[in-house]
Structures are given as C-alpha cells and as structure tokens.
Amino acid sequence: MDRQCRKVLDYMRTYKTITTYEAFKYCGVSRLSARVWDLRHKYGYDISSTPMKVMDRDGAYTSVSAYYLEEKNGEV
C-alpha cells in the first residue's frame, strides 16, 4: 500500500472520519477522493461518505464529504 493511502487509512482508524481539509492538513494528501478510490478498489476497504455542513472562511456554510470506514463484525 502506498504512503498516502496508509496515512488516510490510519487517520480514519484513529479519528473515525476524514475530510479533504483534514487529509491535506494532517496527512499531506491533496486528492482525498483518489486515495479513497484506491482504498476501495485496489485494497478492498469498505469506505462510505456522509455529507456535512461546514463554515467557510467567509462565514457561509458549504457541504463537504466526510469519509469513514464501515465496520465489519465489530472491526474497522
């Protein structure tokens, strides 16, 4: 598994979800959706997403996706 995928996976295991902002800030990953695709299709992880509203720097709310690992038999 490549370094970026490993960082994203480790972050999700630790913090439960990850957004594009968190991926860039904490993992150095600028294309989170591509790494999620890799984790799903190359490595077989069951990753889902949920929309969430966040406030941007101008005070307006915008929608982003938060990705998370689906549990299998109590394991993530």
Protein backbone atom coordinates (compact mmCIF):
# COMPACT_ATOMS: atom_id res chain seq x y z
CA MET A 1 0.00 0.00 0.00
CA ASP A 2 1.37 3.43 -0.86
CA ARG A 3 2.23 6.01 1.78
CA GLN A 4 -0.73 8.34 1.15
CA CYS A 5 -3.28 5.53 1.33
CA ARG A 6 -1.70 4.28 4.55
CA LYS A 7 -1.86 7.78 6.10
CA VAL A 8 -5.53 8.21 5.16
CA LEU A 9 -6.41 4.75 6.46
CA ASP A 10 -4.56 5.33 9.74
CA TYR A 11 -6.28 8.69 10.19
CA MET A 12 -9.73 7.16 9.66
CA ARG A 13 -8.95 4.37 12.12
CA THR A 14 -7.84 6.90 14.72
CA TYR A 15 -10.36 9.71 14.24
CA LYS A 16 -13.26 7.78 12.59
CA THR A 17 -13.78 10.24 9.69
CA ILE A 18 -11.70 12.33 7.33
CA THR A 19 -12.50 15.34 5.13
CA THR A 20 -10.48 16.83 2.30
CA TYR A 21 -9.30 19.61 4.61
CA GLU A 22 -8.10 17.13 7.25
CA ALA A 23 -6.43 14.95 4.62
CA PHE A 24 -4.46 17.93 3.33
CA LYS A 25 -3.63 19.43 6.74
CA TYR A 26 -2.75 16.26 8.68
CA CYS A 27 -1.77 13.72 6.02
CA GLY A 28 -0.37 15.86 3.20
CA VAL A 29 -2.90 14.36 0.78
CA SER A 30 -4.38 16.83 -1.70
CA ARG A 31 -6.61 14.38 -3.64
CA LEU A 32 -8.55 12.53 -0.94
CA SER A 33 -11.19 11.19 -3.31
CA ALA A 34 -8.47 9.49 -5.38
CA ARG A 35 -6.96 7.86 -2.27
CA VAL A 36 -10.44 6.73 -1.17
CA TRP A 37 -10.93 5.20 -4.63
CA ASP A 38 -7.61 3.36 -4.25
CA LEU A 39 -8.54 2.11 -0.78
CA ARG A 40 -11.92 0.87 -2.04
CA HIS A 41 -10.93 -0.64 -5.39
CA LYS A 42 -7.28 -1.62 -5.06
CA TYR A 43 -7.24 -2.65 -1.40
CA GLY A 44 -10.85 -3.72 -0.76
CA TYR A 45 -11.77 -1.38 2.10
CA ASP A 46 -15.46 -0.60 2.64
CA ILE A 47 -15.47 3.19 2.87
CA SER A 48 -18.63 5.29 2.88
CA SER A 49 -19.22 9.00 2.97
CA THR A 50 -21.73 11.32 4.52
CA PRO A 51 -22.38 14.96 3.68
CA MET A 52 -21.76 17.55 6.36
CA LYS A 53 -22.06 21.33 6.53
CA VAL A 54 -19.02 23.38 7.48
CA MET A 55 -18.49 27.11 7.67
CA ASP A 56 -16.04 28.55 5.17
CA ARG A 57 -13.71 31.47 5.86
CA ASP A 58 -16.40 33.96 4.76
CA GLY A 59 -18.93 32.62 7.27
CA ALA A 60 -21.06 30.83 4.70
CA TYR A 61 -21.98 27.18 5.08
CA THR A 62 -20.89 24.70 2.44
CA SER A 63 -21.24 20.94 2.05
CA VAL A 64 -18.28 18.59 2.24
CA SER A 65 -18.00 14.82 2.41
CA ALA A 66 -16.70 13.04 5.47
CA TYR A 67 -15.36 9.59 4.63
CA TYR A 68 -15.42 6.74 7.14
CA LEU A 69 -14.65 3.04 7.33
CA GLU A 70 -17.62 0.71 7.56
CA GLU A 71 -17.43 -1.76 10.42
CA LYS A 72 -17.35 -5.47 9.71
CA ASN A 73 -18.18 -7.73 12.67
CA GLY A 74 -17.27 -5.02 15.14
CA GLU A 75 -13.94 -4.27 13.45
CA VAL A 76 -12.91 -1.21 11.49
